Amino acid sequence: MAKEIRILGVLITDRQKEAGKVQALLTKFGCSIKTRLGLHEVTDNLCSSSGLIILELTGDVAEMDKLEKELKTIGGIQSQRMIFAD
């Protein structure tokens, strides 16, 4: 069976409103997340209301699919995936 490497990009358009829901979901699927990187613009005068999370997923493909499906139920979220297979 070929191993799949899946990268998931998640754009949160309103971090104040949606971050808690996203965090709860990422905690629920924590064993499927190998790497997590969060990006948003911040300066002394600005803290961006949007943010980007990049996830490297691992393990069972069905669990990866469940995570993606549940993310899509949260309003204000866009996700894109990249898949690399051996």
Protein backbone atom coordinates (compact mmCIF):
# COMPACT_ATOMS: atom_id res chain seq x y z
CA MET A 1 0.00 0.00 0.00
CA ALA A 2 1.37 3.40 -0.97
CA LYS A 3 1.91 5.92 1.78
CA GLU A 4 0.20 9.26 1.31
CA ILE A 5 1.62 12.59 2.41
CA ARG A 6 -1.16 15.15 2.67
CA ILE A 7 -0.71 18.88 3.21
CA LEU A 8 -3.81 20.85 4.10
CA GLY A 9 -3.99 24.64 3.92
CA VAL A 10 -6.76 26.23 5.97
CA LEU A 11 -7.65 29.91 5.56
CA ILE A 12 -9.66 31.37 8.44
CA THR A 13 -11.27 34.62 7.34
CA ASP A 14 -12.44 35.71 10.82
CA ARG A 15 -10.08 34.39 13.50
CA GLN A 16 -12.00 36.04 16.35
CA LYS A 17 -15.20 34.23 15.39
CA GLU A 18 -13.94 30.86 14.12
CA ALA A 19 -10.62 30.15 15.87
CA GLY A 20 -12.21 28.33 18.82
CA LYS A 21 -14.14 25.96 16.55
CA VAL A 22 -11.06 25.28 14.43
CA GLN A 23 -8.89 24.70 17.52
CA ALA A 24 -11.41 22.22 18.96
CA LEU A 25 -11.45 20.30 15.68
CA LEU A 26 -7.65 20.23 15.41
CA THR A 27 -7.48 18.93 18.98
CA LYS A 28 -10.03 16.21 18.14
CA PHE A 29 -7.88 15.07 15.19
CA GLY A 30 -4.55 15.75 16.91
CA CYS A 31 -3.19 12.24 16.30
CA SER A 32 -3.57 12.80 12.54
CA ILE A 33 -1.56 16.05 12.56
CA LYS A 34 2.19 15.60 12.25
CA THR A 35 3.07 19.28 11.71
CA ARG A 36 1.05 22.45 12.26
CA LEU A 37 2.09 25.97 11.25
CA GLY A 38 -0.08 29.03 11.91
CA LEU A 39 0.48 32.30 10.06
CA HIS A 40 -1.14 35.71 10.41
CA GLU A 41 0.03 39.28 10.01
CA VAL A 42 0.88 41.10 13.21
CA THR A 43 2.67 44.40 13.88
CA ASP A 44 2.63 46.93 16.72
CA ASN A 45 -0.46 48.52 15.16
CA LEU A 46 -2.22 45.56 13.56
CA CYS A 47 -3.33 42.03 14.32
CA SER A 48 -4.90 40.53 11.21
CA SER A 49 -8.42 39.15 11.48
CA SER A 50 -7.56 36.35 9.05
CA GLY A 51 -5.06 33.55 9.41
CA LEU A 52 -3.59 30.62 7.54
CA ILE A 53 -2.89 27.21 9.05
CA ILE A 54 -0.74 24.68 7.21
CA LEU A 55 -1.11 21.07 8.35
CA GLU A 56 0.95 18.01 7.47
CA LEU A 57 -1.35 15.05 8.03
CA THR A 58 -0.33 11.49 8.80
CA GLY A 59 -1.89 8.11 9.49
CA ASP A 60 -5.21 6.75 8.31
CA VAL A 61 -6.49 8.37 5.12
CA ALA A 62 -10.09 7.98 6.33
CA GLU A 63 -9.27 10.13 9.38
CA MET A 64 -7.68 12.76 7.14
CA ASP A 65 -10.85 12.81 5.06
CA LYS A 66 -13.00 13.19 8.20
CA LEU A 67 -10.92 16.17 9.34
CA GLU A 68 -11.34 17.87 5.96
CA LYS A 69 -15.08 17.17 5.91
CA GLU A 70 -15.60 18.58 9.41
CA LEU A 71 -13.51 21.68 8.63
CA LYS A 72 -15.85 22.43 5.73
CA THR A 73 -18.80 22.62 8.16
CA ILE A 74 -17.27 25.67 9.88
CA GLY A 75 -18.28 28.99 8.32
CA GLY A 76 -15.57 31.36 7.15
CA ILE A 77 -13.11 28.57 6.37
CA GLN A 78 -11.48 27.69 3.06
CA SER A 79 -9.29 24.62 2.67
CA GLN A 80 -7.02 23.32 -0.07
CA ARG A 81 -5.13 20.05 -0.15
CA MET A 82 -1.97 18.72 -1.72
CA ILE A 83 -1.38 14.98 -1.90
CA PHE A 84 1.95 13.28 -2.53
CA ALA A 85 1.98 9.49 -2.90
CA ASP A 86 4.94 7.11 -2.88
